[in-house]
Amino acid sequence: MKIKEITDCIETLAPLSYAEDFDNVGLLVGDAQTKVTGVLVTLDTLEATVDEAIENKCNLIVSFHPIIFSGLKKLNGATYVERVVLKAIKNDIAIYATHTALDNSFDGVNAKICEVLGLTQREILIPQKNTIKKLTTYVPTNALEQVRNHLFEQGAGSIGNYDHCSFTNLGTGTYKGNENSNPTIGEKGKLHTEEEVQLHVTFPKHLEGKIIKALLASHPYEEVAYEVSLLENKNQHIGMGMVAELETPMATEEFLALVKSKMNVSCIKHSAIINSQIKRVAVLGGSGSFATSYAIAKKADVYLSADFKYHDFYKAEGKILLADIGHYESEQFTKNLLVDFLTEKFCNFAIILSNIHTNPIYYS
């Protein structure tokens, strides 16, 4: 099995096209065509992580955070980033990072937090824009079902909580092939008139290559006319953060105690307690102070995230409980999520959960 097979599988869970623009995701070190001896899954890639991979004969590290975030201008081992990259290269170890691609996945980082806390009825906190596209093409009426069903099989026709969505207009198409043409309907050199259907289907942008390939494979014409446009709709299944609910409301102090227990935190920084009970919970793994207004707009009782600064807590404005549980703590179960996912997909292959504790923050 090659590295590309592993990373292609990960990208069905967290397509790289949904990562934030500032991010650096994908295969950061190594050759995608290298045969895999084992996979080590970690939250961060440190020198100790590379040593762990060497010890376990793993030549692919799947990391949540990217070790290379901004451009490297030199590679001489002066920083921990350079030392990690050098050690990985010297030992033929590839490094792949998912980061905000997995943050934005409906079954990613925030879904795992919801699972750990027992939250249900999940929905995206900040749906991502510019992720839904529309294909328009023109099909002979007798080939409509063939083409449409083939597109559906490849993931077209989905929008929000609906699938098999399409729209058609009946019309008349004309064409005349030149001497080099080989028309499947009509004759070269003769003007042909055909009853056609204008077919519209939506699709997630990361599937564009598959959708176009399916169209060309199923369409009867030698030359297929089509166009792809970007829709304004927000994708309800892709985006930052989540809002979910407790099955039964809990007293605020009881809920905070639950968070400390389930998320393995010794303390929680939070704003003033304003509600006696918690029912609706917003979560966002990692640095999430930017999303406070979205959590308030979604009428969450509490917003769990990390890296709130002093003045960020004022943004609660008596409308929500803001709770900072720590950056590492909010993302710590991400590597478990990836191990479970890969183990299910590659059950006869070594997928190892890193034992290295990578949190750089300590509490006394």
Protein backbone atom coordinates (compact mmCIF):
# COMPACT_ATOMS: atom_id res chain seq x y z
CA MET A 1 0.00 0.00 0.00
CA LYS A 2 1.25 3.46 -0.88
CA ILE A 3 1.07 6.67 1.12
CA LYS A 4 -1.35 8.13 -1.42
CA GLU A 5 -3.88 5.38 -0.68
CA ILE A 6 -3.85 6.29 3.01
CA THR A 7 -4.07 10.03 2.43
CA ASP A 8 -6.79 9.66 -0.21
CA CYS A 9 -8.83 7.79 2.37
CA ILE A 10 -8.29 10.50 4.99
CA GLU A 11 -9.46 13.06 2.45
CA THR A 12 -12.85 11.34 2.18
CA LEU A 13 -13.28 12.38 5.82
CA ALA A 14 -11.53 15.73 5.56
CA PRO A 15 -11.14 17.00 1.97
CA LEU A 16 -8.18 19.38 1.77
CA SER A 17 -10.19 21.86 -0.30
CA TYR A 18 -12.18 22.71 2.85
CA ALA A 19 -9.13 23.76 4.85
CA GLU A 20 -8.86 27.46 5.67
CA ASP A 21 -6.82 29.63 3.31
CA PHE A 22 -4.18 30.39 5.94
CA ASP A 23 -3.52 26.72 6.64
CA ASN A 24 -0.88 24.29 5.37
CA VAL A 25 -2.39 20.82 5.00
CA GLY A 26 -1.70 17.64 3.07
CA LEU A 27 1.55 15.75 2.55
CA LEU A 28 4.21 18.09 3.97
CA VAL A 29 7.20 15.74 3.88
CA GLY A 30 7.75 12.64 1.74
CA ASP A 31 6.77 10.98 -1.52
CA ALA A 32 3.11 9.98 -2.00
CA GLN A 33 4.17 6.90 -4.01
CA THR A 34 6.25 5.40 -1.18
CA LYS A 35 5.08 2.05 0.19
CA VAL A 36 3.78 2.33 3.75
CA THR A 37 5.26 0.20 6.53
CA GLY A 38 3.06 1.61 9.27
CA VAL A 39 1.11 4.73 10.28
CA LEU A 40 1.61 6.71 13.47
CA VAL A 41 -1.22 9.12 14.34
CA THR A 42 -0.48 12.16 16.50
CA LEU A 43 -1.80 15.58 17.40
CA ASP A 44 1.60 17.27 16.89
CA THR A 45 4.78 16.14 15.18
CA LEU A 46 7.80 16.66 17.44
CA GLU A 47 11.28 15.11 17.43
CA ALA A 48 10.04 12.59 19.99
CA THR A 49 7.15 11.75 17.64
CA VAL A 50 9.56 10.98 14.80
CA ASP A 51 11.59 8.81 17.21
CA GLU A 52 8.38 6.99 18.13
CA ALA A 53 7.64 6.39 14.45
CA ILE A 54 11.15 5.00 13.92
CA GLU A 55 10.78 2.69 16.94
CA ASN A 56 7.44 1.37 15.66
CA LYS A 57 8.66 1.03 12.05
CA CYS A 58 6.13 3.57 10.82
CA ASN A 59 7.18 5.60 7.78
CA LEU A 60 4.05 7.78 7.71
CA ILE A 61 3.06 10.20 10.45
CA VAL A 62 -0.51 11.47 10.25
CA SER A 63 -0.60 14.63 12.32
CA PHE A 64 -3.44 16.98 13.13
CA HIS A 65 -1.30 20.12 13.38
CA PRO A 66 1.10 20.85 10.48
CA ILE A 67 4.75 20.94 11.52
CA ILE A 68 5.42 23.33 8.61
CA PHE A 69 2.96 26.18 8.95
CA SER A 70 4.71 29.03 7.20
CA GLY A 71 7.49 28.87 4.64
CA LEU A 72 10.90 27.53 5.63
CA LYS A 73 13.72 29.77 4.38
CA LYS A 74 16.47 27.47 5.59
CA LEU A 75 16.85 23.96 6.93
CA ASN A 76 19.81 23.73 9.29
CA GLY A 77 18.25 22.49 12.52
CA ALA A 78 18.15 25.84 14.31
CA THR A 79 14.49 25.47 15.34
CA TYR A 80 12.36 22.55 16.49
CA VAL A 81 10.48 22.69 13.18
CA GLU A 82 13.68 22.36 11.16
CA ARG A 83 14.96 19.56 13.40
CA VAL A 84 11.73 17.58 12.98
CA VAL A 85 11.75 17.96 9.20
CA LEU A 86 15.44 17.03 8.96
CA LYS A 87 14.99 13.95 11.15
CA ALA A 88 11.94 12.85 9.14
CA ILE A 89 13.79 13.23 5.84
CA LYS A 90 16.91 11.42 7.11
CA ASN A 91 14.75 8.48 8.20
CA ASP A 92 12.47 8.40 5.14
CA ILE A 93 9.40 9.27 7.17
CA ALA A 94 6.53 11.13 5.52
CA ILE A 95 4.40 13.66 7.42
CA TYR A 96 0.78 14.42 6.54
CA ALA A 97 -1.39 17.04 8.27
CA THR A 98 -5.19 17.54 8.27
CA HIS A 99 -5.70 20.53 10.61
CA THR A 100 -8.55 22.83 9.51
CA ALA A 101 -9.70 20.37 6.85
CA LEU A 102 -10.65 18.11 9.76
CA ASP A 103 -11.88 21.10 11.79
CA ASN A 104 -14.38 21.84 9.02
CA SER A 105 -15.53 18.23 8.59
CA PHE A 106 -18.98 17.32 9.89
CA ASP A 107 -17.47 14.16 11.39
CA GLY A 108 -14.24 15.80 12.49
CA VAL A 109 -12.76 17.56 15.52
CA ASN A 110 -15.95 19.16 16.82
CA ALA A 111 -18.05 16.08 16.25
CA LYS A 112 -15.59 14.20 18.47
CA ILE A 113 -16.00 16.79 21.24
CA CYS A 114 -19.78 16.39 20.97
CA GLU A 115 -19.40 12.62 21.20
CA VAL A 116 -17.18 12.80 24.28
CA LEU A 117 -19.63 15.15 26.02
CA GLY A 118 -22.70 13.15 24.98
CA LEU A 119 -24.19 15.93 22.85
CA THR A 120 -26.79 15.18 20.17
CA GLN A 121 -28.58 16.99 17.31
CA ARG A 122 -25.34 18.38 15.89
CA GLU A 123 -25.27 21.28 13.45
CA ILE A 124 -22.44 23.40 12.06
CA LEU A 125 -21.78 26.62 13.97
CA ILE A 126 -20.28 28.59 11.04
CA PRO A 127 -21.21 27.00 7.70
CA GLN A 128 -18.48 27.47 5.10
CA LYS A 129 -19.19 29.54 2.00
CA ASN A 130 -18.19 28.75 -1.59
CA THR A 131 -18.31 24.97 -1.21
CA ILE A 132 -21.34 24.10 -3.35
CA LYS A 133 -21.20 24.04 -7.13
CA LYS A 134 -23.75 23.43 -9.87
CA LEU A 135 -23.32 21.45 -13.06
CA THR A 136 -25.46 22.36 -16.08
CA THR A 137 -25.43 20.10 -19.12
CA TYR A 138 -27.62 19.13 -22.09
CA VAL A 139 -28.71 15.54 -22.57
CA PRO A 140 -30.86 13.73 -25.18
CA THR A 141 -34.18 12.88 -23.51
CA ASN A 142 -33.66 9.13 -23.83
CA ALA A 143 -30.29 9.35 -22.04
CA LEU A 144 -31.44 11.57 -19.16
CA GLU A 145 -31.90 8.84 -16.54
CA GLN A 146 -28.62 7.19 -17.43
CA VAL A 147 -26.62 10.40 -17.08
CA ARG A 148 -28.46 11.70 -14.03
CA ASN A 149 -28.22 8.42 -12.11
CA HIS A 150 -24.51 8.13 -12.90
CA LEU A 151 -23.97 11.64 -11.55
CA PHE A 152 -25.97 10.80 -8.41
CA GLU A 153 -23.80 7.71 -7.85
CA GLN A 154 -20.71 9.94 -7.76
CA GLY A 155 -22.17 12.33 -5.18
CA ALA A 156 -23.96 14.91 -7.31
CA GLY A 157 -27.41 16.12 -6.37
CA SER A 158 -26.69 16.68 -2.68
CA ILE A 159 -27.38 19.90 -0.84
CA GLY A 160 -27.80 20.23 2.93
CA ASN A 161 -29.93 17.35 4.22
CA TYR A 162 -31.15 16.39 0.75
CA ASP A 163 -29.77 14.20 -2.02
CA HIS A 164 -30.84 13.13 -5.54
CA CYS A 165 -31.64 16.79 -6.25
CA SER A 166 -31.87 17.90 -9.87
CA PHE A 167 -33.78 20.26 -12.16
CA THR A 168 -34.61 19.85 -15.84
CA ASN A 169 -35.84 21.98 -18.73
CA LEU A 170 -37.03 20.50 -22.00
CA GLY A 171 -35.77 22.10 -25.20
CA THR A 172 -34.31 21.56 -28.65
CA GLY A 173 -30.62 21.28 -29.44
CA THR A 174 -28.95 21.62 -32.83
CA TYR A 175 -25.50 20.71 -34.09
CA LYS A 176 -23.58 19.85 -37.26
CA GLY A 177 -20.36 17.89 -37.11
CA ASN A 178 -17.40 18.64 -39.39
CA GLU A 179 -15.46 16.05 -41.39
CA ASN A 180 -13.42 15.01 -38.34
CA SER A 181 -16.46 14.43 -36.15
CA ASN A 182 -17.97 11.08 -35.22
CA PRO A 183 -21.46 11.84 -33.93
CA THR A 184 -23.23 9.12 -31.96
CA ILE A 185 -26.58 10.64 -32.93
CA GLY A 186 -27.01 12.12 -36.42
CA GLU A 187 -24.57 12.24 -39.36
CA LYS A 188 -21.42 14.25 -39.91
CA GLY A 189 -21.85 17.23 -42.19
CA LYS A 190 -25.62 17.37 -41.68
CA LEU A 191 -27.48 19.72 -39.37
CA HIS A 192 -29.14 17.65 -36.68
CA THR A 193 -32.01 18.62 -34.39
CA GLU A 194 -32.43 16.69 -31.13
CA GLU A 195 -34.94 16.95 -28.31
CA GLU A 196 -32.75 17.56 -25.26
CA VAL A 197 -33.10 18.18 -21.55
CA GLN A 198 -31.13 20.88 -19.77
CA LEU A 199 -30.00 19.13 -16.57
CA HIS A 200 -28.88 20.93 -13.40
CA VAL A 201 -27.34 19.15 -10.39
CA THR A 202 -25.49 20.49 -7.35
CA PHE A 203 -22.37 18.90 -5.86
CA PRO A 204 -19.71 19.53 -3.17
CA LYS A 205 -16.75 21.29 -4.74
CA HIS A 206 -14.20 18.63 -3.79
CA LEU A 207 -16.05 16.13 -6.02
CA GLU A 208 -15.77 18.21 -9.20
CA GLY A 209 -13.23 15.94 -10.86
CA LYS A 210 -15.32 12.82 -10.22
CA ILE A 211 -18.53 14.54 -11.34
CA ILE A 212 -17.08 15.70 -14.67
CA LYS A 213 -15.55 12.27 -15.27
CA ALA A 214 -18.93 10.64 -14.58
CA LEU A 215 -20.66 13.06 -16.94
CA LEU A 216 -18.28 12.37 -19.81
CA ALA A 217 -18.43 8.61 -19.22
CA SER A 218 -22.24 8.40 -19.23
CA HIS A 219 -23.16 11.05 -21.80
CA PRO A 220 -23.85 9.69 -25.33
CA TYR A 221 -22.44 12.67 -27.25
CA GLU A 222 -18.93 12.79 -28.67
CA GLU A 223 -18.61 16.41 -27.49
CA VAL A 224 -20.38 17.20 -24.22
CA ALA A 225 -21.43 20.79 -23.51
CA TYR A 226 -21.46 21.66 -19.82
CA GLU A 227 -20.76 24.49 -17.41
CA VAL A 228 -19.90 24.62 -13.71
CA SER A 229 -20.90 27.54 -11.52
CA LEU A 230 -20.40 28.39 -7.85
CA LEU A 231 -23.52 28.73 -5.69
CA GLU A 232 -24.04 31.22 -2.89
CA ASN A 233 -25.56 28.61 -0.57
CA LYS A 234 -23.70 27.89 2.65
CA ASN A 235 -22.87 24.23 3.20
CA GLN A 236 -24.71 23.03 6.30
CA HIS A 237 -22.35 20.05 6.63
CA ILE A 238 -19.01 21.86 6.23
CA GLY A 239 -17.69 24.56 8.53
CA MET A 240 -16.14 25.62 11.81
CA GLY A 241 -17.53 24.61 15.19
CA MET A 242 -20.74 22.86 16.16
CA VAL A 243 -23.88 23.46 18.15
CA ALA A 244 -25.53 20.49 19.84
CA GLU A 245 -27.69 19.67 22.83
CA LEU A 246 -27.59 17.73 26.04
CA GLU A 247 -30.28 15.08 26.17
CA THR A 248 -31.29 16.45 29.57
CA PRO A 249 -30.57 20.00 30.81
CA MET A 250 -27.92 20.21 33.53
CA ALA A 251 -27.15 22.73 36.24
CA THR A 252 -24.29 24.96 35.09
CA GLU A 253 -21.92 23.83 37.85
CA GLU A 254 -22.77 20.19 37.10
CA PHE A 255 -22.10 20.73 33.40
CA LEU A 256 -18.71 22.35 34.07
CA ALA A 257 -17.82 19.40 36.28
CA LEU A 258 -18.82 17.05 33.45
CA VAL A 259 -16.56 18.94 31.03
CA LYS A 260 -13.62 18.76 33.44
CA SER A 261 -14.13 15.02 33.83
CA LYS A 262 -14.73 14.09 30.18
CA MET A 263 -12.16 16.48 28.69
CA ASN A 264 -9.47 15.72 31.31
CA VAL A 265 -9.01 19.33 32.41
CA SER A 266 -8.02 20.46 35.87
CA CYS A 267 -9.52 23.92 35.54
CA ILE A 268 -11.78 25.93 33.23
CA LYS A 269 -11.54 29.67 32.65
CA HIS A 270 -15.03 31.04 32.11
CA SER A 271 -17.14 34.19 32.06
CA ALA A 272 -19.80 35.01 34.63
CA ILE A 273 -22.42 32.30 35.12
CA ILE A 274 -25.75 33.70 33.91
CA ASN A 275 -28.00 30.64 33.53
CA SER A 276 -28.85 28.09 36.17
CA GLN A 277 -29.12 25.36 33.52
CA ILE A 278 -27.29 24.31 30.36
CA LYS A 279 -29.05 22.66 27.42
CA ARG A 280 -27.63 24.03 24.16
CA VAL A 281 -23.84 23.82 23.77
CA ALA A 282 -21.53 25.35 21.14
CA VAL A 283 -18.04 23.87 20.71
CA LEU A 284 -15.00 24.71 18.61
CA GLY A 285 -11.71 22.88 18.99
CA GLY A 286 -8.61 25.08 19.18
CA SER A 287 -8.56 28.86 19.15
CA GLY A 288 -12.19 29.92 18.92
CA SER A 289 -12.71 33.37 20.38
CA PHE A 290 -13.59 34.66 16.89
CA ALA A 291 -16.79 32.58 16.91
CA THR A 292 -18.40 33.96 20.09
CA SER A 293 -20.95 36.03 18.18
CA TYR A 294 -21.97 32.96 16.16
CA ALA A 295 -22.53 30.94 19.33
CA ILE A 296 -24.70 33.74 20.73
CA ALA A 297 -26.65 33.94 17.45
CA LYS A 298 -27.29 30.17 17.65
CA LYS A 299 -28.72 30.74 21.15
CA ALA A 300 -26.20 28.47 22.84
CA ASP A 301 -26.18 28.52 26.64
CA VAL A 302 -22.44 27.87 26.73
CA TYR A 303 -19.57 28.08 24.27
CA LEU A 304 -16.59 25.74 24.82
CA SER A 305 -13.35 26.57 23.04
CA ALA A 306 -9.83 27.76 23.85
CA ASP A 307 -7.33 30.63 23.81
CA PHE A 308 -9.70 33.37 24.99
CA LYS A 309 -7.85 36.54 25.93
CA TYR A 310 -8.83 38.84 28.79
CA HIS A 311 -11.07 41.12 26.73
CA ASP A 312 -12.63 38.18 24.85
CA PHE A 313 -14.61 37.28 27.97
CA TYR A 314 -16.39 40.65 27.85
CA LYS A 315 -17.95 39.50 24.58
CA ALA A 316 -20.25 37.22 26.56
CA GLU A 317 -22.26 40.38 27.37
CA GLY A 318 -24.50 38.49 29.75
CA LYS A 319 -25.88 36.36 26.91
CA ILE A 320 -23.74 33.23 27.08
CA LEU A 321 -21.26 31.38 29.27
CA LEU A 322 -17.80 31.37 27.64
CA ALA A 323 -15.59 28.48 28.75
CA ASP A 324 -11.91 28.15 27.84
CA ILE A 325 -10.83 24.53 28.38
CA GLY A 326 -7.36 24.83 26.79
CA HIS A 327 -6.14 24.40 23.21
CA TYR A 328 -4.62 20.94 23.59
CA GLU A 329 -7.48 19.78 25.78
CA SER A 330 -10.11 20.75 23.20
CA GLU A 331 -8.33 18.81 20.44
CA GLN A 332 -6.83 15.91 22.37
CA PHE A 333 -9.27 13.26 21.10
CA THR A 334 -8.66 14.11 17.45
CA LYS A 335 -5.93 11.52 17.11
CA ASN A 336 -8.30 8.87 18.52
CA LEU A 337 -10.83 9.88 15.88
CA LEU A 338 -8.24 9.42 13.12
CA VAL A 339 -7.02 6.08 14.47
CA ASP A 340 -10.58 4.73 14.67
CA PHE A 341 -11.34 5.96 11.15
CA LEU A 342 -8.18 4.50 9.59
CA THR A 343 -8.42 1.22 11.52
CA GLU A 344 -11.94 0.70 10.17
CA LYS A 345 -10.77 1.41 6.61
CA PHE A 346 -7.50 -0.55 6.83
CA CYS A 347 -8.23 -3.27 9.36
CA ASN A 348 -5.22 -5.43 8.40
CA PHE A 349 -2.72 -2.60 8.55
CA ALA A 350 -0.71 -1.17 11.46
CA ILE A 351 -2.35 2.09 12.61
CA ILE A 352 -0.69 3.23 15.84
CA LEU A 353 -1.88 5.87 18.29
CA SER A 354 1.02 8.03 19.45
CA ASN A 355 1.80 7.85 23.16
CA ILE A 356 3.79 11.09 23.14
CA HIS A 357 2.20 13.87 25.19
CA THR A 358 2.63 16.97 23.03
CA ASN A 359 0.90 19.65 25.10
CA PRO A 360 3.47 22.46 25.60
CA ILE A 361 1.43 23.96 28.46
CA TYR A 362 1.69 22.75 32.06
CA TYR A 363 -0.35 23.67 35.14
CA SER A 364 0.97 23.87 38.70
